[in-house]
């Protein structure tokens, strides 16, 4: 018969163990408060490490996200992108498996819409990223629809950004043909504009846009240009 050997308890000293010892020794309140602050910092660091491990596991397991919708201007296909509902459908089961969830916070100041995506782990640590854009007044949208359109754009791209995701091309031949295009490297023009690192890159993006796209993304380009100054 094989004996079962119990695993010895960890002998590592944590702030909570120090607090227990201090209480047993009738330590003064000042010492207990300092130990409690140390315990909170220790817990926050442990939560951060758990968050990072969960994110690494998620990225290793997350399946490729295909671009499921084509957008056209004047009957001509302009680009493909992954819709927000499609992205969520793909990633949510893997996020949940590793104790991760996400939410958004939306703010508006004047003509600028800000969307913050927050990713939270079950142990309490959370991280966020924020992007800004102007209301999408293209087509015949009313003011509410214009705000809603930009909000959806920004929700998608903040989620992609904080999770380190990229939507895969559905058409490999098309991707190869557009290898030198800045726009071809992104999910759609707004993503390229938001990611531009210099005014020169913004000008290059502007040159690639057709007349309809220039009207649609004019305010976004101006807003990004102001951020780069």
Protein backbone atom coordinates (compact mmCIF):
# COMPACT_ATOMS: atom_id res chain seq x y z
CA UNK A 1 0.00 0.00 0.00
CA UNK A 2 1.35 3.39 -0.97
CA UNK A 3 1.31 6.02 1.73
CA UNK A 4 -0.14 9.39 0.79
CA UNK A 5 2.27 12.11 1.80
CA UNK A 6 0.59 15.38 2.65
CA UNK A 7 2.04 18.41 0.93
CA UNK A 8 3.61 20.69 3.55
CA UNK A 9 2.03 24.07 3.99
CA UNK A 10 3.79 27.02 2.40
CA UNK A 11 6.20 28.74 4.76
CA UNK A 12 6.30 31.97 2.75
CA UNK A 13 5.72 35.06 4.82
CA UNK A 14 2.85 37.21 3.60
CA UNK A 15 1.65 40.54 5.02
CA UNK A 16 -1.46 38.78 6.34
CA UNK A 17 0.66 36.38 8.36
CA UNK A 18 2.55 39.34 9.77
CA UNK A 19 -0.78 40.95 10.71
CA UNK A 20 -1.87 37.76 12.49
CA UNK A 21 1.42 37.70 14.39
CA UNK A 22 1.10 41.39 15.27
CA UNK A 23 -2.45 40.86 16.58
CA UNK A 24 -1.27 37.96 18.72
CA UNK A 25 1.40 40.24 20.18
CA UNK A 26 -1.04 43.11 20.84
CA UNK A 27 0.75 45.42 18.39
CA UNK A 28 -0.23 49.08 18.39
CA UNK A 29 -2.70 50.51 15.85
CA UNK A 30 -0.02 52.37 13.87
CA UNK A 31 1.89 49.15 13.17
CA UNK A 32 -1.31 47.33 12.19
CA UNK A 33 -2.23 50.10 9.75
CA UNK A 34 1.20 49.90 8.08
CA UNK A 35 0.90 46.14 7.79
CA UNK A 36 -2.60 46.47 6.34
CA UNK A 37 -1.33 48.89 3.67
CA UNK A 38 1.41 46.39 2.86
CA UNK A 39 -1.20 43.62 2.57
CA UNK A 40 -3.26 45.69 0.14
CA UNK A 41 -0.20 46.34 -2.05
CA UNK A 42 0.67 42.64 -1.96
CA UNK A 43 -2.87 41.65 -3.00
CA UNK A 44 -2.84 44.22 -5.83
CA UNK A 45 0.46 42.84 -7.13
CA UNK A 46 -0.84 39.26 -6.98
CA UNK A 47 -3.99 40.35 -8.85
CA UNK A 48 -1.87 42.07 -11.51
CA UNK A 49 0.20 38.92 -12.02
CA UNK A 50 -2.97 36.82 -12.29
CA UNK A 51 -4.35 39.29 -14.86
CA UNK A 52 -1.17 39.11 -16.97
CA UNK A 53 -1.17 35.30 -16.86
CA UNK A 54 -4.84 35.20 -17.89
CA UNK A 55 -4.24 37.62 -20.78
CA UNK A 56 -1.30 35.56 -22.01
CA UNK A 57 -3.42 32.39 -21.90
CA UNK A 58 -6.28 34.13 -23.70
CA UNK A 59 -4.04 35.39 -26.51
CA UNK A 60 -2.53 31.94 -26.93
CA UNK A 61 -5.97 30.33 -27.31
CA UNK A 62 -8.00 33.03 -29.06
CA UNK A 63 -9.01 31.85 -32.55
CA UNK A 64 -8.48 33.94 -35.67
CA UNK A 65 -11.15 36.59 -36.15
CA UNK A 66 -12.32 36.79 -39.74
CA UNK A 67 -13.62 39.95 -41.39
CA UNK A 68 -17.28 39.11 -41.85
CA UNK A 69 -18.69 42.24 -43.51
CA UNK A 70 -17.85 44.19 -46.67
CA UNK A 71 -18.43 47.95 -46.84
CA UNK A 72 -18.80 49.64 -50.21
CA UNK A 73 -18.96 53.17 -51.54
CA UNK A 74 -20.92 53.86 -54.70
CA UNK A 75 -21.41 50.15 -55.35
CA UNK A 76 -17.67 49.47 -55.18
CA UNK A 77 -16.26 47.30 -52.39
CA UNK A 78 -13.93 49.47 -50.31
CA UNK A 79 -12.90 47.31 -47.35
CA UNK A 80 -13.87 44.44 -45.09
CA UNK A 81 -14.15 44.54 -41.33
CA UNK A 82 -15.11 42.35 -38.38
CA UNK A 83 -18.38 43.53 -36.84
CA UNK A 84 -18.50 44.06 -33.09
CA UNK A 85 -21.06 41.33 -32.47
CA UNK A 86 -18.93 38.87 -34.47
CA UNK A 87 -15.80 39.78 -32.48
CA UNK A 88 -17.62 39.32 -29.17
CA UNK A 89 -19.07 35.98 -30.27
CA UNK A 90 -15.55 34.69 -31.03
CA UNK A 91 -13.65 35.99 -28.01
CA UNK A 92 -16.13 35.90 -25.12
CA UNK A 93 -15.97 32.14 -24.41
CA UNK A 94 -12.16 32.24 -24.28
CA UNK A 95 -12.13 35.35 -22.08
CA UNK A 96 -14.60 33.77 -19.65
CA UNK A 97 -12.53 30.59 -19.52
CA UNK A 98 -9.63 32.61 -18.11
CA UNK A 99 -11.67 34.79 -15.75
CA UNK A 100 -11.66 37.90 -17.93
CA UNK A 101 -14.50 40.24 -18.85
CA UNK A 102 -14.79 43.61 -20.58
CA UNK A 103 -16.97 46.71 -20.51
CA UNK A 104 -17.01 50.19 -22.05
CA UNK A 105 -17.39 53.71 -20.74
CA UNK A 106 -18.56 56.38 -23.20
CA UNK A 107 -18.03 60.13 -22.78
CA UNK A 108 -18.75 63.04 -25.10
CA UNK A 109 -17.35 66.55 -24.98
CA UNK A 110 -18.65 68.76 -27.75
CA UNK A 111 -18.05 67.02 -31.07
CA UNK A 112 -15.58 64.51 -29.61
CA UNK A 113 -16.69 61.06 -28.51
CA UNK A 114 -14.44 59.11 -26.17
CA UNK A 115 -14.78 55.37 -25.60
CA UNK A 116 -12.82 53.53 -22.92
CA UNK A 117 -12.62 49.74 -22.96
CA UNK A 118 -11.97 48.15 -19.56
CA UNK A 119 -10.81 44.55 -19.16
CA UNK A 120 -11.20 43.07 -15.67
CA UNK A 121 -9.94 39.82 -14.12
CA UNK A 122 -11.87 37.92 -11.45
CA UNK A 123 -9.09 38.66 -8.94
CA UNK A 124 -9.80 42.37 -9.26
CA UNK A 125 -7.07 43.82 -11.49
CA UNK A 126 -8.24 45.81 -14.51
CA UNK A 127 -6.66 47.74 -17.37
CA UNK A 128 -8.14 50.13 -19.91
CA UNK A 129 -7.51 52.01 -23.14
CA UNK A 130 -9.30 55.03 -24.64
CA UNK A 131 -9.83 56.25 -28.20
CA UNK A 132 -11.58 59.36 -29.55
CA UNK A 133 -13.51 60.20 -32.70
CA UNK A 134 -16.01 62.63 -34.19
CA UNK A 135 -19.65 61.67 -34.91
CA UNK A 136 -19.97 59.80 -38.22
CA UNK A 137 -22.18 62.16 -40.24
CA UNK A 138 -21.82 60.29 -43.52
CA UNK A 139 -24.89 59.29 -45.50
CA UNK A 140 -28.27 60.38 -44.16
CA UNK A 141 -27.61 59.69 -40.46
CA UNK A 142 -29.34 61.86 -37.89
CA UNK A 143 -27.36 63.18 -34.91
CA UNK A 144 -28.09 60.17 -32.68
CA UNK A 145 -27.20 57.69 -35.43
CA UNK A 146 -23.96 59.58 -36.11
CA UNK A 147 -22.95 59.27 -32.45
CA UNK A 148 -23.99 55.61 -32.36
CA UNK A 149 -21.96 54.78 -35.46
CA UNK A 150 -18.76 56.30 -34.07
CA UNK A 151 -19.34 54.73 -30.66
CA UNK A 152 -19.57 51.27 -32.23
CA UNK A 153 -16.38 51.91 -34.22
CA UNK A 154 -14.52 52.96 -31.10
CA UNK A 155 -15.87 50.08 -29.03
CA UNK A 156 -14.53 47.64 -31.60
CA UNK A 157 -11.10 49.22 -31.87
CA UNK A 158 -10.54 49.77 -28.16
CA UNK A 159 -11.44 46.12 -27.60
CA UNK A 160 -8.99 45.06 -30.33
CA UNK A 161 -6.30 47.32 -28.91
CA UNK A 162 -6.42 46.27 -25.27
CA UNK A 163 -6.69 42.56 -26.08
CA UNK A 164 -3.95 42.70 -28.71
CA UNK A 165 -6.20 41.33 -31.45
CA UNK A 166 -6.18 41.66 -35.23
CA UNK A 167 -8.86 40.65 -37.71
CA UNK A 168 -7.59 38.22 -40.33
CA UNK A 169 -8.10 38.84 -44.03
CA UNK A 170 -10.80 36.75 -45.67
CA UNK A 171 -9.14 37.09 -49.07
CA UNK A 172 -5.40 36.30 -49.00
CA UNK A 173 -4.96 37.30 -52.61
CA UNK A 174 -6.50 40.70 -51.93
CA UNK A 175 -4.22 41.18 -48.93
CA UNK A 176 -1.15 40.38 -51.00
CA UNK A 177 -2.21 42.77 -53.74
CA UNK A 178 -2.56 45.58 -51.21
CA UNK A 179 0.61 44.77 -49.24
CA UNK A 180 2.05 48.27 -49.74
CA UNK A 181 -1.19 50.03 -48.77
CA UNK A 182 -1.45 51.55 -45.30
CA UNK A 183 -5.21 50.98 -45.25
CA UNK A 184 -4.79 47.29 -46.12
CA UNK A 185 -2.95 46.73 -42.83
CA UNK A 186 -5.98 47.79 -40.77
CA UNK A 187 -9.53 46.68 -40.17
CA UNK A 188 -10.91 49.81 -41.89
CA UNK A 189 -9.91 53.47 -42.48
CA UNK A 190 -10.83 54.66 -38.98
CA UNK A 191 -8.45 52.12 -37.43
CA UNK A 192 -5.64 53.38 -39.69
CA UNK A 193 -6.38 57.00 -38.77
CA UNK A 194 -6.45 56.24 -35.03
CA UNK A 195 -3.12 54.39 -35.31
CA UNK A 196 -1.27 57.01 -37.39
CA UNK A 197 2.02 57.96 -35.72
CA UNK A 198 2.75 61.20 -37.61
CA UNK A 199 1.14 63.89 -39.81
CA UNK A 200 2.97 62.38 -42.81
CA UNK A 201 1.31 59.03 -42.19
CA UNK A 202 -2.07 60.77 -41.98
CA UNK A 203 -1.41 62.46 -45.32
CA UNK A 204 -0.56 59.08 -46.86
CA UNK A 205 -3.83 57.67 -45.54
CA UNK A 206 -5.72 60.67 -46.95
CA UNK A 207 -4.27 59.99 -50.40
CA UNK A 208 -5.53 56.40 -50.30
CA UNK A 209 -9.09 57.42 -49.45
CA UNK A 210 -11.62 57.97 -52.22
CA UNK A 211 -13.85 61.06 -52.25
CA UNK A 212 -16.66 59.45 -50.25
CA UNK A 213 -14.26 58.15 -47.60
CA UNK A 214 -12.62 61.57 -47.31
CA UNK A 215 -15.99 63.09 -46.49
CA UNK A 216 -16.79 60.33 -44.01
CA UNK A 217 -13.49 60.44 -42.12
CA UNK A 218 -12.61 64.14 -42.47
CA UNK A 219 -13.35 64.99 -38.83
CA UNK A 220 -11.50 61.91 -37.56
CA UNK A 221 -8.37 62.88 -39.50
CA UNK A 222 -8.53 66.44 -38.16
CA UNK A 223 -8.99 65.17 -34.60
CA UNK A 224 -6.02 62.78 -34.92
CA UNK A 225 -3.88 65.54 -36.44
CA UNK A 226 -4.58 67.74 -33.40
CA UNK A 227 -3.53 64.88 -31.10
CA UNK A 228 -0.22 64.49 -32.98
CA UNK A 229 0.72 68.18 -32.75
